[in-house]
């Protein structure tokens, strides 16, 4: 499998297609049905955004297999999916909190948040969405929200918005009996109060998983 990030594209592609750095787009040589990435499809305005999607998924490149969408805008997502090719797979890049609403717009997968350390949640959520069991999907999504909301914080020792996200996942791995490891600069570890809060939220998540998943 050969993967290319957006940085491998022609130098003037940003001007023509309005692609900006962030979580989201992967192109690969050869045909596939699923993909993920580290770049995102952006826009200067809605028309340019939709034109870019149409160009990407309808022949500008030989093999656009999928687009990981990490913008908090379901309207543009729906418009982008409608404008693109049917064989391009769209993936929710904002993890479990957006899985239900973005699935309704046409995504076929989602990135891992809580599922990084409790994968049974992601598997059950995927099955519920795939079978159209919206009530169960919403219930599973909801039990992920407290920890995911915790991950959105900046943290006491960080200057970067949302910087608590990575150490929070590593803490979740440790609480699940796995190895999380340490973070790298400039991200800072959780403060003691944050570790305590993570443990509290994880405890509730663990109870919810026991109640909802066999």
N, C-alpha and C. Protein backbone atom coordinates (compact mmCIF):
# COMPACT_ATOMS: atom_id res chain seq x y z
N UNK A 1 0.85 -1.19 0.00
CA UNK A 1 0.00 0.00 0.00
C UNK A 1 0.88 1.24 0.00
N UNK A 2 0.57 2.18 -0.86
CA UNK A 2 1.35 3.42 -0.96
C UNK A 2 0.46 4.60 -0.61
N UNK A 3 0.82 5.34 0.45
CA UNK A 3 0.02 6.46 0.92
C UNK A 3 0.74 7.77 0.65
N UNK A 4 -0.03 8.78 0.28
CA UNK A 4 0.53 10.11 0.03
C UNK A 4 -0.23 11.13 0.85
N UNK A 5 0.50 12.00 1.54
CA UNK A 5 -0.14 13.11 2.24
C UNK A 5 -0.36 14.25 1.28
N UNK A 6 -1.08 15.26 1.73
CA UNK A 6 -1.36 16.39 0.86
C UNK A 6 -0.08 17.12 0.47
N UNK A 7 0.98 16.97 1.26
CA UNK A 7 2.25 17.61 0.94
C UNK A 7 2.91 17.03 -0.30
N UNK A 8 2.46 15.84 -0.74
CA UNK A 8 3.03 15.22 -1.93
C UNK A 8 2.39 15.73 -3.22
N UNK A 9 1.35 16.56 -3.09
CA UNK A 9 0.64 17.04 -4.27
C UNK A 9 1.37 18.23 -4.89
N UNK A 10 1.01 18.62 -6.12
CA UNK A 10 1.69 19.74 -6.78
C UNK A 10 1.69 20.99 -5.93
N UNK A 11 2.73 21.80 -6.07
CA UNK A 11 2.94 22.97 -5.20
C UNK A 11 1.79 23.96 -5.28
N UNK A 12 1.15 24.10 -6.44
CA UNK A 12 0.09 25.10 -6.59
C UNK A 12 -1.30 24.54 -6.28
N UNK A 13 -1.35 23.33 -5.69
CA UNK A 13 -2.65 22.71 -5.44
C UNK A 13 -3.45 23.50 -4.41
N UNK A 14 -2.78 24.16 -3.46
CA UNK A 14 -3.50 24.94 -2.46
C UNK A 14 -4.31 26.06 -3.11
N UNK A 15 -3.74 26.70 -4.14
CA UNK A 15 -4.44 27.78 -4.82
C UNK A 15 -5.62 27.25 -5.62
N UNK A 16 -5.44 26.08 -6.22
CA UNK A 16 -6.48 25.56 -7.10
C UNK A 16 -7.60 24.86 -6.36
N UNK A 17 -7.25 24.16 -5.27
CA UNK A 17 -8.25 23.36 -4.59
C UNK A 17 -8.52 23.79 -3.16
N UNK A 18 -7.78 24.75 -2.68
CA UNK A 18 -8.04 25.28 -1.35
C UNK A 18 -7.91 24.21 -0.27
N UNK A 19 -6.81 23.50 -0.25
CA UNK A 19 -6.57 22.48 0.75
C UNK A 19 -5.64 23.04 1.81
N UNK A 20 -6.02 22.88 3.08
CA UNK A 20 -5.23 23.46 4.17
C UNK A 20 -4.76 22.36 5.11
N UNK A 21 -3.66 22.58 5.84
CA UNK A 21 -3.18 21.55 6.77
C UNK A 21 -4.18 21.29 7.88
N UNK A 22 -4.21 20.05 8.34
CA UNK A 22 -5.09 19.66 9.42
C UNK A 22 -5.47 18.21 9.28
N UNK A 23 -6.37 17.66 10.13
CA UNK A 23 -6.75 16.25 10.03
C UNK A 23 -7.63 16.03 8.81
N UNK A 24 -7.27 15.15 7.90
CA UNK A 24 -8.24 14.80 6.92
C UNK A 24 -8.16 14.15 5.61
N UNK A 25 -7.26 14.37 4.70
CA UNK A 25 -7.38 13.82 3.36
C UNK A 25 -6.21 12.90 3.03
N UNK A 26 -6.51 11.75 2.46
CA UNK A 26 -5.44 10.85 2.01
C UNK A 26 -5.70 10.43 0.58
N UNK A 27 -4.65 10.36 -0.20
CA UNK A 27 -4.73 9.82 -1.54
C UNK A 27 -3.77 8.65 -1.62
N UNK A 28 -4.12 7.60 -2.32
CA UNK A 28 -3.19 6.50 -2.44
C UNK A 28 -3.22 5.89 -3.82
N UNK A 29 -2.08 5.36 -4.25
CA UNK A 29 -1.99 4.69 -5.54
C UNK A 29 -2.61 3.31 -5.41
N UNK A 30 -3.48 2.94 -6.34
CA UNK A 30 -4.19 1.67 -6.25
C UNK A 30 -5.55 1.88 -5.62
N UNK A 31 -6.45 0.98 -5.83
CA UNK A 31 -7.83 1.16 -5.39
C UNK A 31 -8.04 0.59 -4.00
N UNK A 32 -8.78 1.28 -3.19
CA UNK A 32 -9.13 0.81 -1.86
C UNK A 32 -10.47 1.39 -1.48
N UNK A 33 -11.05 0.84 -0.44
CA UNK A 33 -12.33 1.34 0.02
C UNK A 33 -12.21 2.12 1.32
N UNK A 34 -11.09 2.03 2.03
CA UNK A 34 -11.00 2.72 3.30
C UNK A 34 -9.63 3.37 3.44
N UNK A 35 -9.62 4.54 4.08
CA UNK A 35 -8.35 5.24 4.27
C UNK A 35 -8.44 6.20 5.43
N UNK A 36 -7.31 6.78 5.85
CA UNK A 36 -7.26 7.80 6.87
C UNK A 36 -6.10 8.70 6.59
N UNK A 37 -5.93 9.82 7.33
CA UNK A 37 -4.84 10.70 6.97
C UNK A 37 -4.52 11.76 7.97
N UNK A 38 -3.61 12.68 7.54
CA UNK A 38 -3.19 13.79 8.38
C UNK A 38 -3.30 15.12 7.65
N UNK A 39 -4.18 15.25 6.70
CA UNK A 39 -4.40 16.54 6.05
C UNK A 39 -5.89 16.74 5.90
N UNK A 40 -6.33 17.96 5.70
CA UNK A 40 -7.76 18.18 5.62
C UNK A 40 -8.15 19.00 4.41
N UNK A 41 -9.37 18.78 3.96
CA UNK A 41 -9.91 19.54 2.86
C UNK A 41 -10.58 20.78 3.42
N UNK A 42 -10.12 21.94 3.04
CA UNK A 42 -10.69 23.18 3.55
C UNK A 42 -11.41 23.95 2.47
N UNK A 43 -11.64 25.25 2.67
CA UNK A 43 -12.38 26.02 1.71
C UNK A 43 -12.12 27.50 1.91
N UNK A 44 -12.23 28.28 0.84
CA UNK A 44 -12.31 29.73 0.98
C UNK A 44 -13.77 30.14 1.03
N UNK A 45 -14.60 29.42 0.32
CA UNK A 45 -16.04 29.61 0.42
C UNK A 45 -16.69 28.32 -0.03
N UNK A 46 -17.98 28.17 0.18
CA UNK A 46 -18.65 26.91 -0.05
C UNK A 46 -18.52 26.43 -1.49
N UNK A 47 -18.62 27.32 -2.46
CA UNK A 47 -18.54 26.92 -3.86
C UNK A 47 -17.18 26.30 -4.17
N UNK A 48 -16.11 26.94 -3.67
CA UNK A 48 -14.77 26.40 -3.89
C UNK A 48 -14.63 25.05 -3.22
N UNK A 49 -15.18 24.92 -2.03
CA UNK A 49 -15.12 23.66 -1.28
C UNK A 49 -15.75 22.53 -2.09
N UNK A 50 -16.92 22.73 -2.62
CA UNK A 50 -17.62 21.69 -3.36
C UNK A 50 -16.91 21.41 -4.68
N UNK A 51 -16.42 22.45 -5.34
CA UNK A 51 -15.67 22.25 -6.57
C UNK A 51 -14.42 21.41 -6.31
N UNK A 52 -13.76 21.68 -5.20
CA UNK A 52 -12.56 20.92 -4.84
C UNK A 52 -12.89 19.46 -4.65
N UNK A 53 -13.97 19.17 -3.93
CA UNK A 53 -14.36 17.78 -3.68
C UNK A 53 -14.68 17.08 -5.00
N UNK A 54 -15.42 17.75 -5.86
CA UNK A 54 -15.77 17.16 -7.15
C UNK A 54 -14.52 16.85 -7.96
N UNK A 55 -13.56 17.78 -7.95
CA UNK A 55 -12.32 17.57 -8.69
C UNK A 55 -11.50 16.43 -8.10
N UNK A 56 -11.44 16.37 -6.76
CA UNK A 56 -10.67 15.33 -6.11
C UNK A 56 -11.21 13.95 -6.40
N UNK A 57 -12.52 13.80 -6.31
CA UNK A 57 -13.11 12.46 -6.36
C UNK A 57 -13.62 12.06 -7.73
N UNK A 58 -13.50 12.95 -8.73
CA UNK A 58 -13.98 12.60 -10.07
C UNK A 58 -12.92 12.80 -11.14
N UNK A 59 -11.70 12.32 -10.82
CA UNK A 59 -10.74 12.19 -11.88
C UNK A 59 -9.54 13.10 -11.88
N UNK A 60 -9.45 14.11 -11.01
CA UNK A 60 -8.27 14.97 -11.02
C UNK A 60 -7.03 14.15 -10.66
N UNK A 61 -7.19 13.23 -9.70
CA UNK A 61 -6.12 12.32 -9.33
C UNK A 61 -6.56 10.90 -9.68
N UNK A 62 -5.58 10.01 -9.86
CA UNK A 62 -5.89 8.66 -10.31
C UNK A 62 -6.70 7.87 -9.30
N UNK A 63 -6.40 8.03 -8.01
CA UNK A 63 -7.04 7.15 -7.03
C UNK A 63 -7.25 7.84 -5.70
N UNK A 64 -8.27 8.66 -5.60
CA UNK A 64 -8.69 9.18 -4.30
C UNK A 64 -9.63 8.14 -3.72
N UNK A 65 -9.19 7.46 -2.68
CA UNK A 65 -9.97 6.38 -2.10
C UNK A 65 -10.91 6.87 -1.01
N UNK A 66 -10.51 7.91 -0.29
CA UNK A 66 -11.35 8.37 0.80
C UNK A 66 -10.96 9.74 1.31
N UNK A 67 -11.87 10.35 2.02
CA UNK A 67 -11.65 11.67 2.62
C UNK A 67 -12.05 11.61 4.08
N UNK A 68 -11.11 11.96 4.95
CA UNK A 68 -11.37 12.05 6.38
C UNK A 68 -11.77 13.48 6.69
N UNK A 69 -13.02 13.66 7.07
CA UNK A 69 -13.60 15.00 7.24
C UNK A 69 -13.55 15.39 8.71
N UNK A 70 -12.78 16.42 9.03
CA UNK A 70 -12.59 16.83 10.43
C UNK A 70 -13.00 18.28 10.65
N UNK A 71 -14.05 18.72 9.98
CA UNK A 71 -14.61 20.05 10.19
C UNK A 71 -15.95 19.92 10.91
N UNK A 72 -16.23 20.84 11.81
CA UNK A 72 -17.48 20.78 12.57
C UNK A 72 -18.60 21.46 11.79
N UNK A 73 -18.90 20.92 10.62
CA UNK A 73 -19.90 21.50 9.73
C UNK A 73 -20.58 20.41 8.92
N UNK A 74 -21.69 19.85 9.43
CA UNK A 74 -22.37 18.77 8.71
C UNK A 74 -22.99 19.21 7.39
N UNK A 75 -23.31 20.49 7.25
CA UNK A 75 -23.91 20.97 6.00
C UNK A 75 -22.91 20.85 4.87
N UNK A 76 -21.69 21.31 5.08
CA UNK A 76 -20.65 21.19 4.05
C UNK A 76 -20.31 19.73 3.80
N UNK A 77 -20.34 18.92 4.85
CA UNK A 77 -20.08 17.49 4.68
C UNK A 77 -21.09 16.88 3.72
N UNK A 78 -22.38 17.14 3.96
CA UNK A 78 -23.42 16.58 3.10
C UNK A 78 -23.29 17.06 1.67
N UNK A 79 -22.98 18.34 1.51
CA UNK A 79 -22.82 18.89 0.17
C UNK A 79 -21.61 18.28 -0.52
N UNK A 80 -20.52 18.08 0.23
CA UNK A 80 -19.32 17.48 -0.34
C UNK A 80 -19.55 16.05 -0.78
N UNK A 81 -20.24 15.27 0.04
CA UNK A 81 -20.53 13.88 -0.31
C UNK A 81 -21.41 13.82 -1.55
N UNK A 82 -22.39 14.70 -1.63
CA UNK A 82 -23.28 14.72 -2.79
C UNK A 82 -22.53 15.08 -4.07
N UNK A 83 -21.52 15.94 -3.93
CA UNK A 83 -20.78 16.40 -5.10
C UNK A 83 -19.73 15.40 -5.57
N UNK A 84 -19.33 14.49 -4.68
CA UNK A 84 -18.24 13.58 -4.99
C UNK A 84 -18.68 12.31 -5.69
N UNK A 85 -17.70 11.46 -5.94
CA UNK A 85 -17.95 10.18 -6.59
C UNK A 85 -18.48 9.16 -5.59
N UNK A 86 -19.30 8.24 -6.06
CA UNK A 86 -19.91 7.24 -5.18
C UNK A 86 -18.90 6.27 -4.59
N UNK A 87 -17.75 6.08 -5.26
CA UNK A 87 -16.80 5.10 -4.76
C UNK A 87 -15.74 5.70 -3.85
N UNK A 88 -15.89 6.97 -3.47
CA UNK A 88 -15.00 7.59 -2.50
C UNK A 88 -15.62 7.46 -1.10
N UNK A 89 -14.86 6.92 -0.17
CA UNK A 89 -15.35 6.70 1.20
C UNK A 89 -15.06 7.93 2.05
N UNK A 90 -16.08 8.45 2.70
CA UNK A 90 -15.92 9.57 3.62
C UNK A 90 -15.90 9.04 5.06
N UNK A 91 -15.00 9.59 5.87
CA UNK A 91 -14.85 9.15 7.26
C UNK A 91 -14.94 10.36 8.18
N UNK A 92 -15.71 10.22 9.24
CA UNK A 92 -15.80 11.25 10.28
C UNK A 92 -14.47 11.31 11.02
N UNK A 93 -13.78 12.44 10.93
CA UNK A 93 -12.49 12.60 11.59
C UNK A 93 -12.58 13.22 12.96
N UNK A 94 -13.79 13.37 13.50
CA UNK A 94 -13.97 13.99 14.82
C UNK A 94 -14.43 12.97 15.87
N UNK A 95 -14.23 11.69 15.57
CA UNK A 95 -14.46 10.60 16.52
C UNK A 95 -15.93 10.40 16.89
N UNK A 96 -16.15 9.71 18.00
CA UNK A 96 -17.50 9.24 18.35
C UNK A 96 -18.55 10.34 18.51
N UNK A 97 -18.22 11.52 19.05
CA UNK A 97 -19.26 12.53 19.24
C UNK A 97 -20.00 12.93 17.97
N UNK A 98 -19.34 12.88 16.81
CA UNK A 98 -19.96 13.29 15.56
C UNK A 98 -20.39 12.11 14.70
N UNK A 99 -20.19 10.89 15.18
CA UNK A 99 -20.44 9.72 14.36
C UNK A 99 -21.89 9.60 13.91
N UNK A 100 -22.83 9.85 14.81
CA UNK A 100 -24.24 9.67 14.48
C UNK A 100 -24.70 10.69 13.44
N UNK A 101 -24.44 11.96 13.69
CA UNK A 101 -24.92 12.99 12.76
C UNK A 101 -24.20 12.92 11.42
N UNK A 102 -22.91 12.61 11.43
CA UNK A 102 -22.16 12.54 10.18
C UNK A 102 -22.51 11.28 9.40
N UNK A 103 -22.87 10.22 10.09
CA UNK A 103 -23.32 8.99 9.40
C UNK A 103 -24.59 9.28 8.61
N UNK A 104 -25.46 10.07 9.19
CA UNK A 104 -26.70 10.43 8.50
C UNK A 104 -26.42 11.22 7.23
N UNK A 105 -25.27 11.91 7.17
CA UNK A 105 -24.90 12.67 5.99
C UNK A 105 -24.19 11.81 4.94
N UNK A 106 -23.77 10.60 5.34
CA UNK A 106 -23.19 9.70 4.36
C UNK A 106 -21.79 9.17 4.65
N UNK A 107 -21.21 9.47 5.82
CA UNK A 107 -19.90 8.89 6.13
C UNK A 107 -20.06 7.39 6.37
N UNK A 108 -18.96 6.66 6.24
CA UNK A 108 -19.00 5.21 6.39
C UNK A 108 -18.05 4.71 7.48
N UNK A 109 -17.54 5.62 8.27
CA UNK A 109 -16.65 5.26 9.36
C UNK A 109 -16.34 6.47 10.20
N UNK A 110 -15.59 6.27 11.27
CA UNK A 110 -15.23 7.38 12.16
C UNK A 110 -13.90 7.09 12.82
N UNK A 111 -13.20 8.15 13.18
CA UNK A 111 -11.91 7.99 13.87
C UNK A 111 -12.15 7.64 15.33
N UNK A 112 -11.09 7.21 16.00
CA UNK A 112 -11.20 6.73 17.38
C UNK A 112 -10.89 7.82 18.38
N UNK A 113 -11.76 7.96 19.37
CA UNK A 113 -11.51 8.81 20.51
C UNK A 113 -11.40 7.91 21.72
N UNK A 114 -12.51 7.71 22.41
CA UNK A 114 -12.58 6.74 23.51
C UNK A 114 -12.22 5.34 23.01
N UNK A 115 -12.51 5.06 21.75
CA UNK A 115 -12.24 3.73 21.18
C UNK A 115 -10.76 3.42 21.10
N UNK A 116 -9.89 4.42 21.29
CA UNK A 116 -8.46 4.14 21.36
C UNK A 116 -8.14 3.19 22.50
N UNK A 117 -8.84 3.34 23.61
CA UNK A 117 -8.54 2.51 24.77
C UNK A 117 -9.70 1.61 25.20
N UNK A 118 -10.91 1.84 24.64
CA UNK A 118 -12.02 0.94 24.84
C UNK A 118 -12.63 0.63 23.47
N UNK A 119 -11.94 -0.19 22.67
CA UNK A 119 -12.37 -0.42 21.28
C UNK A 119 -13.73 -1.07 21.14
N UNK A 120 -14.20 -1.74 22.20
CA UNK A 120 -15.52 -2.35 22.11
C UNK A 120 -16.61 -1.31 21.88
N UNK A 121 -16.40 -0.10 22.38
CA UNK A 121 -17.37 0.97 22.16
C UNK A 121 -17.44 1.32 20.68
N UNK A 122 -16.29 1.51 20.05
CA UNK A 122 -16.26 1.83 18.64
C UNK A 122 -16.85 0.74 17.77
N UNK A 123 -16.56 -0.52 18.10
CA UNK A 123 -17.10 -1.63 17.32
C UNK A 123 -18.61 -1.70 17.45
N UNK A 124 -19.12 -1.53 18.66
CA UNK A 124 -20.58 -1.57 18.87
C UNK A 124 -21.25 -0.38 18.19
N UNK A 125 -20.63 0.78 18.27
CA UNK A 125 -21.19 1.97 17.63
C UNK A 125 -21.23 1.80 16.12
N UNK A 126 -20.16 1.26 15.55
CA UNK A 126 -20.13 1.02 14.11
C UNK A 126 -21.22 0.04 13.70
N UNK A 127 -21.39 -1.03 14.47
CA UNK A 127 -22.43 -2.02 14.15
C UNK A 127 -23.83 -1.40 14.24
N UNK A 128 -24.05 -0.56 15.26
CA UNK A 128 -25.36 0.07 15.41
C UNK A 128 -25.65 1.01 14.25
N UNK A 129 -24.66 1.79 13.86
CA UNK A 129 -24.85 2.70 12.73
C UNK A 129 -25.05 1.93 11.43
N UNK A 130 -24.29 0.87 11.24
CA UNK A 130 -24.39 0.08 10.00
C UNK A 130 -25.75 -0.58 9.87
N UNK A 131 -26.35 -0.96 10.99
CA UNK A 131 -27.65 -1.63 10.96
C UNK A 131 -28.83 -0.66 11.07
N UNK A 132 -28.52 0.63 11.23
CA UNK A 132 -29.58 1.62 11.33
C UNK A 132 -30.25 1.68 12.68
N UNK A 133 -29.60 1.15 13.72
CA UNK A 133 -30.16 1.20 15.07
C UNK A 133 -29.74 2.53 15.70
N UNK A 134 -30.46 3.59 15.36
CA UNK A 134 -30.08 4.94 15.74
C UNK A 134 -30.18 5.17 17.24
N UNK A 135 -31.17 4.54 17.88
CA UNK A 135 -31.32 4.73 19.33
C UNK A 135 -30.11 4.17 20.07
N UNK A 136 -29.68 2.96 19.69
CA UNK A 136 -28.50 2.38 20.35
C UNK A 136 -27.25 3.18 19.99
N UNK A 137 -27.17 3.63 18.76
CA UNK A 137 -26.01 4.42 18.34
C UNK A 137 -25.90 5.69 19.18
N UNK A 138 -27.02 6.36 19.39
CA UNK A 138 -26.98 7.58 20.20
C UNK A 138 -26.60 7.28 21.64
N UNK A 139 -27.09 6.17 22.18
CA UNK A 139 -26.76 5.79 23.55
C UNK A 139 -25.26 5.52 23.69
N UNK A 140 -24.71 4.79 22.73
CA UNK A 140 -23.27 4.51 22.77
C UNK A 140 -22.45 5.78 22.58
N UNK A 141 -22.91 6.64 21.67
CA UNK A 141 -22.24 7.93 21.48
C UNK A 141 -22.23 8.74 22.77
N UNK A 142 -23.36 8.74 23.45
CA UNK A 142 -23.50 9.56 24.66
C UNK A 142 -22.56 9.14 25.79
N UNK A 143 -22.28 7.85 25.91
CA UNK A 143 -21.39 7.43 27.01
C UNK A 143 -19.94 7.83 26.72
N UNK A 144 -19.65 8.16 25.47
CA UNK A 144 -18.31 8.62 25.11
C UNK A 144 -18.11 10.10 25.36
N UNK A 145 -19.19 10.85 25.46
CA UNK A 145 -19.10 12.31 25.49
C UNK A 145 -18.33 12.88 26.68
N UNK A 146 -18.54 12.39 27.92
CA UNK A 146 -17.79 12.99 29.03
C UNK A 146 -16.28 12.92 28.85
N UNK A 147 -15.76 11.77 28.43
CA UNK A 147 -14.31 11.67 28.26
C UNK A 147 -13.85 12.47 27.05
N UNK A 148 -14.64 12.48 25.98
CA UNK A 148 -14.29 13.25 24.80
C UNK A 148 -14.32 14.75 25.10
N UNK A 149 -15.28 15.19 25.88
CA UNK A 149 -15.32 16.60 26.28
C UNK A 149 -14.11 16.97 27.14
N UNK A 150 -13.71 16.04 28.00
CA UNK A 150 -12.51 16.23 28.81
C UNK A 150 -11.29 16.42 27.91
N UNK A 151 -11.22 15.66 26.82
CA UNK A 151 -10.09 15.74 25.88
C UNK A 151 -10.04 17.09 25.15
N UNK A 152 -11.14 17.79 25.08
CA UNK A 152 -11.18 19.07 24.37
C UNK A 152 -10.52 20.21 25.15
N UNK A 153 -10.21 19.99 26.41
CA UNK A 153 -9.66 21.07 27.23
C UNK A 153 -8.21 21.38 26.87
N UNK A 154 -7.79 22.56 27.26
CA UNK A 154 -6.40 22.95 27.04
C UNK A 154 -5.47 22.34 28.08
N UNK A 155 -5.94 22.28 29.32
CA UNK A 155 -5.12 21.71 30.39
C UNK A 155 -4.37 22.79 31.15
N UNK A 156 -4.03 22.50 32.37
CA UNK A 156 -3.42 23.49 33.26
C UNK A 156 -2.01 23.90 32.82
N UNK A 157 -1.25 22.99 32.28
CA UNK A 157 0.16 23.27 31.98
C UNK A 157 0.43 23.46 30.49
N UNK A 158 -0.63 23.67 29.70
CA UNK A 158 -0.47 23.79 28.26
C UNK A 158 -0.90 25.16 27.77
N UNK A 159 -0.28 25.61 26.70
CA UNK A 159 -0.67 26.86 26.05
C UNK A 159 -1.38 26.61 24.73
N UNK A 160 -1.44 25.36 24.31
CA UNK A 160 -2.04 24.99 23.04
C UNK A 160 -3.47 24.55 23.26
N UNK A 161 -4.41 25.10 22.52
CA UNK A 161 -5.82 24.73 22.65
C UNK A 161 -6.01 23.24 22.39
N UNK A 162 -6.76 22.58 23.27
CA UNK A 162 -7.02 21.15 23.11
C UNK A 162 -5.83 20.25 23.40
N UNK A 163 -4.80 20.81 24.02
CA UNK A 163 -3.56 20.05 24.22
C UNK A 163 -3.71 18.90 25.20
N UNK A 164 -4.78 18.90 25.97
CA UNK A 164 -4.98 17.80 26.92
C UNK A 164 -5.39 16.51 26.22
N UNK A 165 -5.75 16.61 24.95
CA UNK A 165 -6.27 15.47 24.21
C UNK A 165 -5.34 14.26 24.23
N UNK A 166 -4.07 14.48 23.90
CA UNK A 166 -3.13 13.36 23.81
C UNK A 166 -2.85 12.74 25.17
N UNK A 167 -2.48 13.52 26.20
CA UNK A 167 -2.25 12.89 27.50
C UNK A 167 -3.51 12.24 28.07
N UNK A 168 -4.69 12.75 27.70
CA UNK A 168 -5.93 12.14 28.17
C UNK A 168 -6.11 10.74 27.57
N UNK A 169 -5.77 10.59 26.30
CA UNK A 169 -5.84 9.26 25.67
C UNK A 169 -4.82 8.32 26.31
N UNK A 170 -3.61 8.83 26.55
CA UNK A 170 -2.59 8.01 27.19
C UNK A 170 -3.02 7.58 28.59
N UNK A 171 -3.68 8.47 29.31
CA UNK A 171 -4.21 8.12 30.62
C UNK A 171 -5.30 7.06 30.49
N UNK A 172 -6.15 7.20 29.48
CA UNK A 172 -7.18 6.20 29.23
C UNK A 172 -6.59 4.83 28.96
N UNK A 173 -5.51 4.78 28.21
CA UNK A 173 -4.84 3.51 27.93
C UNK A 173 -4.32 2.89 29.22
N UNK A 174 -3.72 3.72 30.07
CA UNK A 174 -3.21 3.21 31.35
C UNK A 174 -4.35 2.67 32.22
N UNK A 175 -5.46 3.40 32.25
CA UNK A 175 -6.61 2.98 33.06
C UNK A 175 -7.24 1.70 32.53
N UNK A 176 -7.08 1.47 31.24
CA UNK A 176 -7.61 0.25 30.62
C UNK A 176 -6.65 -0.92 30.75
N UNK A 177 -5.52 -0.71 31.44
CA UNK A 177 -4.55 -1.77 31.64
C UNK A 177 -3.57 -1.92 30.50
N UNK A 178 -3.46 -0.89 29.65
CA UNK A 178 -2.54 -0.90 28.52
C UNK A 178 -1.40 0.08 28.79
N UNK A 179 -0.52 0.24 27.82
CA UNK A 179 0.60 1.15 28.00
C UNK A 179 0.35 2.44 27.23
N UNK A 180 0.25 3.55 27.95
CA UNK A 180 0.03 4.83 27.30
C UNK A 180 1.31 5.55 26.97
N UNK A 181 2.29 5.47 27.87
CA UNK A 181 3.55 6.14 27.64
C UNK A 181 3.48 7.62 27.95
N UNK A 182 4.57 8.30 27.69
CA UNK A 182 4.67 9.73 28.00
C UNK A 182 4.40 10.57 26.76
N UNK A 183 4.10 11.83 26.98
CA UNK A 183 3.86 12.76 25.87
C UNK A 183 5.17 13.44 25.48
N UNK A 184 5.19 14.06 24.30
CA UNK A 184 6.36 14.78 23.83
C UNK A 184 6.09 16.28 23.85
N UNK A 185 7.14 17.05 24.05
CA UNK A 185 7.04 18.51 24.00
C UNK A 185 6.50 18.94 22.63
N UNK A 186 5.70 20.02 22.58
CA UNK A 186 5.37 20.94 23.68
C UNK A 186 4.18 20.51 24.53
N UNK A 187 3.58 19.35 24.25
CA UNK A 187 2.46 18.87 25.06
C UNK A 187 2.99 18.49 26.44
N UNK A 188 2.18 18.78 27.45
CA UNK A 188 2.56 18.49 28.83
C UNK A 188 1.69 17.38 29.40
N UNK A 189 2.19 16.61 30.38
CA UNK A 189 1.39 15.57 31.01
C UNK A 189 0.20 16.18 31.77
N UNK A 190 -0.74 15.33 32.11
CA UNK A 190 -1.88 15.79 32.91
C UNK A 190 -1.41 16.25 34.28
N UNK A 191 -2.00 17.32 34.76
CA UNK A 191 -1.77 17.74 36.14
C UNK A 191 -2.48 16.74 37.07
N UNK A 192 -2.12 16.75 38.34
CA UNK A 192 -2.69 15.77 39.28
C UNK A 192 -4.20 15.87 39.35
N UNK A 193 -4.73 17.11 39.33
CA UNK A 193 -6.18 17.28 39.37
C UNK A 193 -6.83 16.72 38.10
N UNK A 194 -6.15 16.86 36.98
CA UNK A 194 -6.68 16.35 35.72
C UNK A 194 -6.64 14.82 35.69
N UNK A 195 -5.60 14.24 36.27
CA UNK A 195 -5.53 12.79 36.36
C UNK A 195 -6.69 12.25 37.20
N UNK A 196 -6.97 12.92 38.30
CA UNK A 196 -8.08 12.51 39.16
C UNK A 196 -9.40 12.60 38.40
N UNK A 197 -9.59 13.69 37.65
CA UNK A 197 -10.83 13.85 36.89
C UNK A 197 -10.94 12.78 35.80
N UNK A 198 -9.84 12.48 35.14
CA UNK A 198 -9.84 11.44 34.11
C UNK A 198 -10.23 10.09 34.71
N UNK A 199 -9.74 9.81 35.89
CA UNK A 199 -10.07 8.54 36.56
C UNK A 199 -11.55 8.48 36.89
N UNK A 200 -12.12 9.60 37.33
CA UNK A 200 -13.55 9.64 37.64
C UNK A 200 -14.39 9.40 36.39
N UNK A 201 -14.05 10.09 35.32
CA UNK A 201 -14.81 9.95 34.08
C UNK A 201 -14.66 8.54 33.52
N UNK A 202 -13.45 8.01 33.59
CA UNK A 202 -13.22 6.66 33.08
C UNK A 202 -14.04 5.64 33.88
N UNK A 203 -14.12 5.85 35.19
CA UNK A 203 -14.92 4.94 36.02
C UNK A 203 -16.37 4.89 35.57
N UNK A 204 -16.94 6.05 35.25
CA UNK A 204 -18.32 6.08 34.76
C UNK A 204 -18.41 5.41 33.39
N UNK A 205 -17.43 5.67 32.53
CA UNK A 205 -17.41 5.02 31.22
C UNK A 205 -17.37 3.51 31.36
N UNK A 206 -16.53 3.03 32.25
CA UNK A 206 -16.41 1.59 32.47
C UNK A 206 -17.72 1.00 32.94
N UNK A 207 -18.42 1.69 33.83
CA UNK A 207 -19.73 1.23 34.30
C UNK A 207 -20.73 1.20 33.16
N UNK A 208 -20.72 2.22 32.33
CA UNK A 208 -21.65 2.30 31.20
C UNK A 208 -21.39 1.18 30.19
N UNK A 209 -20.12 0.90 29.94
CA UNK A 209 -19.78 -0.18 29.01
C UNK A 209 -20.25 -1.51 29.55
N UNK A 210 -20.06 -1.75 30.84
CA UNK A 210 -20.52 -2.99 31.46
C UNK A 210 -22.02 -3.15 31.36
N UNK A 211 -22.71 -2.03 31.44
CA UNK A 211 -24.19 -2.04 31.38
C UNK A 211 -24.72 -2.25 29.97
N UNK A 212 -24.01 -1.72 28.99
CA UNK A 212 -24.55 -1.70 27.62
C UNK A 212 -23.96 -2.74 26.68
N UNK A 213 -22.77 -3.23 26.98
CA UNK A 213 -22.08 -4.13 26.06
C UNK A 213 -21.77 -5.45 26.77
N UNK A 214 -22.19 -6.54 26.17
CA UNK A 214 -21.98 -7.86 26.77
C UNK A 214 -20.51 -8.26 26.68
